[in-house]
Amino acid sequence: NAIMEEARAFADRPEKSLAVTVYFEPEYYSSVEARRLAEEARGRSDMPVDAMAAAVILNRYLERIRE
């Protein structure tokens, strides 16, 4: 997958220059879930769907590492 190769190449830079580990989290259905959350909020959130999807992905990662 060309996009994943590009993402891995992008992650290599901070891993090497900052000596940090970059973790990858699957993003499948994050936009769908973000839209559902926006509908549940019924207009109380003016956050763009992409930003909400990013929050969904981060939340998934945090839940996974807590287990």
C-alpha atoms as a PDB file:
ATOM      1  CA  ASN A   1       0.000   0.000   0.000  1.00  0.00           C
ATOM      2  CA  ALA A   2       1.610   3.238  -1.174  1.00  0.00           C
ATOM      3  CA  ILE A   3      -0.038   5.385   1.490  1.00  0.00           C
ATOM      4  CA  MET A   4       1.208   3.141   4.295  1.00  0.00           C
ATOM      5  CA  GLU A   5       4.718   3.194   2.837  1.00  0.00           C
ATOM      6  CA  GLU A   6       4.584   6.990   2.801  1.00  0.00           C
ATOM      7  CA  ALA A   7       3.323   7.054   6.395  1.00  0.00           C
ATOM      8  CA  ARG A   8       6.116   4.743   7.526  1.00  0.00           C
ATOM      9  CA  ALA A   9       8.712   6.890   5.752  1.00  0.00           C
ATOM     10  CA  PHE A  10       7.237   9.966   7.464  1.00  0.00           C
ATOM     11  CA  ALA A  11       7.402   8.218  10.855  1.00  0.00           C
ATOM     12  CA  ASP A  12      11.039   7.255  10.331  1.00  0.00           C
ATOM     13  CA  ARG A  13      12.171  10.886  10.576  1.00  0.00           C
ATOM     14  CA  PRO A  14      11.105  11.603  14.179  1.00  0.00           C
ATOM     15  CA  GLU A  15      12.006   8.072  15.233  1.00  0.00           C
ATOM     16  CA  LYS A  16      15.575   8.599  14.067  1.00  0.00           C
ATOM     17  CA  SER A  17      16.082  12.280  14.865  1.00  0.00           C
ATOM     18  CA  LEU A  18      14.279  12.332  18.232  1.00  0.00           C
ATOM     19  CA  ALA A  19      14.787   8.715  19.296  1.00  0.00           C
ATOM     20  CA  VAL A  20      11.061   8.235  19.887  1.00  0.00           C
ATOM     21  CA  THR A  21       8.719   5.432  18.930  1.00  0.00           C
ATOM     22  CA  VAL A  22       5.916   6.238  16.506  1.00  0.00           C
ATOM     23  CA  TYR A  23       2.861   4.030  16.875  1.00  0.00           C
ATOM     24  CA  PHE A  24       0.357   3.341  14.126  1.00  0.00           C
ATOM     25  CA  GLU A  25      -3.334   2.977  14.861  1.00  0.00           C
ATOM     26  CA  PRO A  26      -5.872   1.695  12.330  1.00  0.00           C
ATOM     27  CA  GLU A  27      -8.160   4.481  11.167  1.00  0.00           C
ATOM     28  CA  TYR A  28     -10.896   2.397   9.593  1.00  0.00           C
ATOM     29  CA  TYR A  29     -14.425   3.700  10.194  1.00  0.00           C
ATOM     30  CA  SER A  30     -13.129   6.645  12.235  1.00  0.00           C
ATOM     31  CA  SER A  31     -14.940   9.151   9.990  1.00  0.00           C
ATOM     32  CA  VAL A  32     -18.137   7.114  10.198  1.00  0.00           C
ATOM     33  CA  GLU A  33     -17.877   7.051  13.982  1.00  0.00           C
ATOM     34  CA  ALA A  34     -17.078  10.780  14.059  1.00  0.00           C
ATOM     35  CA  ARG A  35     -20.184  11.578  12.000  1.00  0.00           C
ATOM     36  CA  ARG A  36     -22.288   9.442  14.346  1.00  0.00           C
ATOM     37  CA  LEU A  37     -20.893  11.293  17.351  1.00  0.00           C
ATOM     38  CA  ALA A  38     -21.619  14.631  15.671  1.00  0.00           C
ATOM     39  CA  GLU A  39     -25.206  13.567  15.040  1.00  0.00           C
ATOM     40  CA  GLU A  40     -25.552  12.502  18.677  1.00  0.00           C
ATOM     41  CA  ALA A  41     -24.289  15.925  19.744  1.00  0.00           C
ATOM     42  CA  ARG A  42     -27.068  17.457  17.587  1.00  0.00           C
ATOM     43  CA  GLY A  43     -25.136  20.487  16.523  1.00  0.00           C
ATOM     44  CA  ARG A  44     -23.504  21.139  19.894  1.00  0.00           C
ATOM     45  CA  SER A  45     -20.129  20.567  18.300  1.00  0.00           C
ATOM     46  CA  ASP A  46     -18.750  22.683  15.493  1.00  0.00           C
ATOM     47  CA  MET A  47     -15.606  20.544  15.263  1.00  0.00           C
ATOM     48  CA  PRO A  48     -14.850  19.410  11.680  1.00  0.00           C
ATOM     49  CA  VAL A  49     -15.374  15.704  10.987  1.00  0.00           C
ATOM     50  CA  ASP A  50     -11.644  15.185  10.304  1.00  0.00           C
ATOM     51  CA  ALA A  51     -10.777  16.595  13.725  1.00  0.00           C
ATOM     52  CA  MET A  52     -13.408  14.411  15.370  1.00  0.00           C
ATOM     53  CA  ALA A  53     -12.069  11.384  13.470  1.00  0.00           C
ATOM     54  CA  ALA A  54      -8.563  12.167  14.752  1.00  0.00           C
ATOM     55  CA  ALA A  55      -9.974  12.271  18.287  1.00  0.00           C
ATOM     56  CA  VAL A  56     -11.662   8.903  17.691  1.00  0.00           C
ATOM     57  CA  ILE A  57      -8.351   7.386  16.543  1.00  0.00           C
ATOM     58  CA  LEU A  58      -6.491   8.819  19.539  1.00  0.00           C
ATOM     59  CA  ASN A  59      -9.171   7.536  21.901  1.00  0.00           C
ATOM     60  CA  ARG A  60      -8.919   4.043  20.384  1.00  0.00           C
ATOM     61  CA  TYR A  61      -5.152   4.077  20.893  1.00  0.00           C
ATOM     62  CA  LEU A  62      -5.436   5.255  24.499  1.00  0.00           C
ATOM     63  CA  GLU A  63      -8.042   2.606  25.277  1.00  0.00           C
ATOM     64  CA  ARG A  64      -5.861  -0.082  23.706  1.00  0.00           C
ATOM     65  CA  ILE A  65      -2.730   0.798  25.694  1.00  0.00           C
ATOM     66  CA  ARG A  66      -4.723   0.909  28.943  1.00  0.00           C
ATOM     67  CA  GLU A  67      -5.697  -2.736  28.553  1.00  0.00           C
END
